[in-house]
Amino acid sequence: MCGRFTLRTPTPVLIEHFGLGRIPALPARFNIAPMQQVAAVRQAPDAEARELVMLRWGLVPSWAKDTNNAARLINARSETVAEKPSYRHAVRRQRCLIPSDGFYEWKKTGREKQTFHIQMADGSLFAMAGLWERWRPDEKLPPLETCTILTTEPNELMQGIHDRMPVILPPEAYATWLDPQFEAYDALQELFRPFPADAMAAEPIGSYVNSVQHEGPQCLERQRSLF
């Protein structure tokens, strides 16, 4: 799964990478957690331009009666995303990219857990495949826009850490994924393959990041030796 990630990349790099217009500077984030606001890139049906928006992480389908299940919908299994009522509309028309430069995962060893920060081997920016929804139960209130991150089976690097990983899209797939008019689902499924392991790296780190209350560079510090 993907339950925590980072986005420390400078805003000008973000703009160039995703082909965005002018956007406000984003603060560096070292511990992005579920139910927080996350940056997302999407494309409107009637516009070719891409936009960067802030979405709450934890999907709330447009038909939901309330937001109680949002925390359970932070990830969507790519293998079944077109079948599940919570996702099947969004995967057809409301796809987005979630910018990141690393994500966290916890490896269980007996009763212990070792935290890892996984990123591109060169530390560069990448995009996770996401879906977004707009929920508005009352016309008098502003809509709530939310998102989820798609997951897939692990690559060789991730197999020793966790049994799932986020769907990471190569830049050449961005246009297809974002296009709300593109409905050839068989072609979209081809994008759900695990990202090549040889292009990624995993770094063991300390436990500071385990708390969602913690933020800052200390989240990425390596585990200190007790001796």
Protein backbone atom coordinates (compact mmCIF):
# COMPACT_ATOMS: atom_id res chain seq x y z
CA MET A 1 0.00 0.00 0.00
CA CYS A 2 1.01 3.64 0.18
CA GLY A 3 0.13 5.33 3.43
CA ARG A 4 2.75 8.07 3.77
CA PHE A 5 4.95 9.96 1.31
CA THR A 6 7.18 12.97 0.71
CA LEU A 7 7.18 15.94 -1.68
CA ARG A 8 10.24 18.13 -1.16
CA THR A 9 10.89 18.99 -4.80
CA PRO A 10 11.12 22.76 -5.53
CA THR A 11 8.01 24.19 -7.17
CA PRO A 12 9.80 25.30 -10.40
CA VAL A 13 10.88 21.68 -10.97
CA LEU A 14 7.31 20.54 -10.35
CA ILE A 15 6.00 23.04 -12.92
CA GLU A 16 8.47 21.94 -15.59
CA HIS A 17 8.03 18.21 -14.96
CA PHE A 18 4.23 18.25 -15.23
CA GLY A 19 3.84 21.05 -17.78
CA LEU A 20 1.93 23.34 -15.44
CA GLY A 21 1.22 27.05 -15.56
CA ARG A 22 2.11 29.41 -12.77
CA ILE A 23 1.28 28.01 -9.31
CA PRO A 24 1.94 29.15 -5.73
CA ALA A 25 5.10 27.81 -4.12
CA LEU A 26 4.50 24.56 -2.26
CA PRO A 27 6.17 23.97 1.12
CA ALA A 28 8.50 20.98 1.39
CA ARG A 29 6.67 18.04 2.95
CA PHE A 30 8.43 15.15 4.67
CA ASN A 31 5.46 13.26 6.10
CA ILE A 32 2.27 13.50 4.04
CA ALA A 33 -0.42 11.37 5.67
CA PRO A 34 -4.00 10.23 4.97
CA MET A 35 -6.79 12.79 5.45
CA GLN A 36 -4.35 15.63 4.79
CA GLN A 37 -4.39 17.92 1.75
CA VAL A 38 -2.14 16.64 -1.05
CA ALA A 39 -1.05 18.21 -4.33
CA ALA A 40 -2.54 16.60 -7.44
CA VAL A 41 -2.30 17.25 -11.17
CA ARG A 42 -5.43 16.84 -13.25
CA GLN A 43 -6.97 17.93 -16.55
CA ALA A 44 -10.50 19.27 -16.96
CA PRO A 45 -12.73 17.63 -19.62
CA ASP A 46 -13.13 20.92 -21.50
CA ALA A 47 -9.51 22.08 -21.26
CA GLU A 48 -6.16 20.84 -22.50
CA ALA A 49 -4.24 22.65 -19.78
CA ARG A 50 -3.23 20.78 -16.65
CA GLU A 51 -3.93 22.22 -13.23
CA LEU A 52 -2.48 21.60 -9.81
CA VAL A 53 -5.09 21.31 -7.08
CA MET A 54 -5.13 20.37 -3.42
CA LEU A 55 -7.23 17.30 -2.64
CA ARG A 56 -7.92 15.60 0.67
CA TRP A 57 -6.33 12.15 0.71
CA GLY A 58 -9.05 9.55 1.30
CA LEU A 59 -11.68 9.16 -1.42
CA VAL A 60 -15.31 10.11 -0.87
CA PRO A 61 -17.45 9.00 -3.85
CA SER A 62 -19.93 11.57 -5.15
CA TRP A 63 -22.84 9.30 -4.12
CA ALA A 64 -21.64 8.70 -0.54
CA LYS A 65 -24.04 9.63 2.27
CA ASP A 66 -21.18 10.81 4.48
CA THR A 67 -17.39 10.91 4.71
CA ASN A 68 -17.01 8.18 7.34
CA ASN A 69 -15.19 5.70 5.06
CA ALA A 70 -12.68 8.16 3.60
CA ALA A 71 -9.75 6.96 5.72
CA ARG A 72 -10.30 3.42 4.38
CA LEU A 73 -10.11 4.59 0.77
CA ILE A 74 -6.61 6.06 0.67
CA ASN A 75 -5.54 3.27 -1.72
CA ALA A 76 -7.31 1.44 -4.55
CA ARG A 77 -6.12 -1.93 -5.85
CA SER A 78 -5.46 -1.45 -9.57
CA GLU A 79 -6.49 -5.04 -10.31
CA THR A 80 -10.10 -4.40 -9.22
CA VAL A 81 -10.47 -0.63 -9.50
CA ALA A 82 -12.87 -0.83 -12.47
CA GLU A 83 -15.19 -3.18 -10.57
CA LYS A 84 -15.53 -1.48 -7.19
CA PRO A 85 -18.44 0.99 -6.86
CA SER A 86 -16.23 3.47 -5.01
CA TYR A 87 -13.77 3.76 -7.90
CA ARG A 88 -15.30 2.66 -11.19
CA HIS A 89 -16.63 6.10 -12.15
CA ALA A 90 -13.43 7.93 -11.27
CA VAL A 91 -11.15 5.50 -13.11
CA ARG A 92 -13.08 6.23 -16.30
CA ARG A 93 -13.17 10.01 -16.17
CA GLN A 94 -11.46 11.46 -13.09
CA ARG A 95 -7.85 10.36 -13.05
CA CYS A 96 -5.02 12.42 -11.59
CA LEU A 97 -1.31 12.35 -10.84
CA ILE A 98 0.01 12.58 -7.27
CA PRO A 99 3.50 14.16 -7.34
CA SER A 100 6.04 12.62 -4.97
CA ASP A 101 9.75 12.15 -4.49
CA GLY A 102 9.50 9.21 -2.11
CA PHE A 103 7.13 7.08 -0.06
CA TYR A 104 7.41 5.24 3.24
CA GLU A 105 6.81 1.60 3.96
CA TRP A 106 7.26 -0.57 7.04
CA LYS A 107 8.86 -4.02 6.92
CA LYS A 108 7.74 -6.43 9.62
CA THR A 109 10.39 -8.65 11.19
CA GLY A 110 8.85 -10.59 14.05
CA ARG A 111 7.47 -8.01 16.45
CA GLU A 112 9.65 -5.25 15.07
CA LYS A 113 9.06 -2.88 12.15
CA GLN A 114 11.78 -1.23 10.10
CA THR A 115 10.82 1.96 8.29
CA PHE A 116 12.01 2.48 4.71
CA HIS A 117 11.93 5.52 2.45
CA ILE A 118 11.61 4.41 -1.17
CA GLN A 119 12.45 6.75 -4.02
CA MET A 120 13.92 6.92 -7.51
CA ALA A 121 17.57 5.87 -7.56
CA ASP A 122 18.55 9.43 -8.51
CA GLY A 123 16.14 11.02 -6.02
CA SER A 124 14.06 12.63 -8.77
CA LEU A 125 10.40 13.58 -8.85
CA PHE A 126 7.83 11.00 -9.97
CA ALA A 127 4.06 10.61 -10.22
CA MET A 128 1.74 8.10 -8.58
CA ALA A 129 -1.51 7.22 -10.35
CA GLY A 130 -4.51 8.65 -8.55
CA LEU A 131 -8.27 9.09 -8.82
CA TRP A 132 -10.28 12.05 -7.61
CA GLU A 133 -13.90 12.71 -6.68
CA ARG A 134 -16.10 15.68 -5.82
CA TRP A 135 -18.61 15.26 -2.95
CA ARG A 136 -21.31 17.85 -2.34
CA PRO A 137 -24.30 16.67 -0.29
CA ASP A 138 -25.58 20.20 0.25
CA GLU A 139 -25.60 22.89 -2.46
CA LYS A 140 -25.20 25.50 0.27
CA LEU A 141 -21.78 24.10 1.20
CA PRO A 142 -18.58 24.08 -0.86
CA PRO A 143 -17.72 20.71 -2.45
CA LEU A 144 -15.17 18.39 -0.89
CA GLU A 145 -12.60 17.12 -3.40
CA THR A 146 -10.74 13.97 -2.44
CA CYS A 147 -8.34 11.43 -3.93
CA THR A 148 -6.96 7.92 -3.66
CA ILE A 149 -3.67 6.35 -4.84
CA LEU A 150 -3.65 3.20 -6.95
CA THR A 151 -1.50 0.25 -5.87
CA THR A 152 -0.09 -2.77 -7.66
CA GLU A 153 1.96 -5.86 -6.89
CA PRO A 154 5.52 -5.20 -5.65
CA ASN A 155 8.59 -5.14 -7.86
CA GLU A 156 11.79 -6.97 -6.89
CA LEU A 157 12.91 -4.12 -4.62
CA MET A 158 9.61 -3.92 -2.76
CA GLN A 159 9.03 -7.67 -2.40
CA GLY A 160 11.31 -7.81 0.62
CA ILE A 161 9.53 -4.86 2.27
CA HIS A 162 5.80 -5.04 1.51
CA ASP A 163 3.33 -6.93 -0.68
CA ARG A 164 2.01 -3.78 -2.40
CA MET A 165 3.43 -0.59 -3.91
CA PRO A 166 1.95 2.51 -5.55
CA VAL A 167 1.37 2.55 -9.30
CA ILE A 168 4.14 4.84 -10.56
CA LEU A 169 3.66 6.22 -14.06
CA PRO A 170 6.47 7.13 -16.49
CA PRO A 171 6.26 10.69 -17.91
CA GLU A 172 5.28 9.40 -21.35
CA ALA A 173 2.07 8.00 -19.81
CA TYR A 174 0.95 11.23 -18.14
CA ALA A 175 -1.09 12.54 -21.09
CA THR A 176 -3.01 9.28 -21.52
CA TRP A 177 -3.72 8.91 -17.81
CA LEU A 178 -4.92 12.50 -17.40
CA ASP A 179 -7.09 12.63 -20.53
CA PRO A 180 -10.73 12.37 -19.32
CA GLN A 181 -11.81 11.50 -22.86
CA PHE A 182 -9.55 8.44 -23.00
CA GLU A 183 -11.71 5.45 -22.08
CA ALA A 184 -9.80 2.47 -23.53
CA TYR A 185 -9.53 0.66 -20.21
CA ASP A 186 -7.40 -2.17 -21.60
CA ALA A 187 -4.74 0.39 -22.46
CA LEU A 188 -4.98 1.94 -19.01
CA GLN A 189 -4.47 -1.45 -17.39
CA GLU A 190 -1.11 -1.71 -19.12
CA LEU A 191 0.02 1.24 -17.00
CA PHE A 192 -0.56 -0.66 -13.75
CA ARG A 193 2.64 -2.71 -14.01
CA PRO A 194 5.15 -2.41 -11.16
CA PHE A 195 7.74 0.29 -11.82
CA PRO A 196 11.20 -1.13 -12.69
CA ALA A 197 13.09 -2.01 -9.51
CA ASP A 198 16.48 -1.06 -10.94
CA ALA A 199 15.32 2.56 -11.22
CA MET A 200 14.45 2.74 -7.51
CA ALA A 201 16.22 2.64 -4.15
CA ALA A 202 15.11 1.91 -0.57
CA GLU A 203 16.76 3.53 2.45
CA PRO A 204 16.22 2.27 6.03
CA ILE A 205 15.44 5.18 8.35
CA GLY A 206 14.55 5.82 11.98
CA SER A 207 11.13 5.78 13.64
CA TYR A 208 10.58 9.55 13.89
CA VAL A 209 8.35 9.53 10.81
CA ASN A 210 6.06 6.91 12.34
CA SER A 211 4.00 9.65 14.00
CA VAL A 212 1.82 11.65 11.60
CA GLN A 213 2.39 14.62 13.92
CA HIS A 214 6.05 14.76 12.93
CA GLU A 215 7.28 16.81 9.99
CA GLY A 216 10.62 18.06 8.68
CA PRO A 217 14.01 16.66 7.58
CA GLN A 218 14.31 14.56 10.75
CA CYS A 219 11.72 12.20 9.23
CA LEU A 220 14.39 10.96 6.81
CA GLU A 221 17.24 10.52 9.29
CA ARG A 222 18.79 7.07 9.42
CA GLN A 223 18.32 4.86 12.46
CA ARG A 224 20.89 5.82 15.09
CA SER A 225 23.02 3.06 16.52
CA LEU A 226 22.55 2.30 20.20
CA PHE A 227 26.22 1.41 20.60
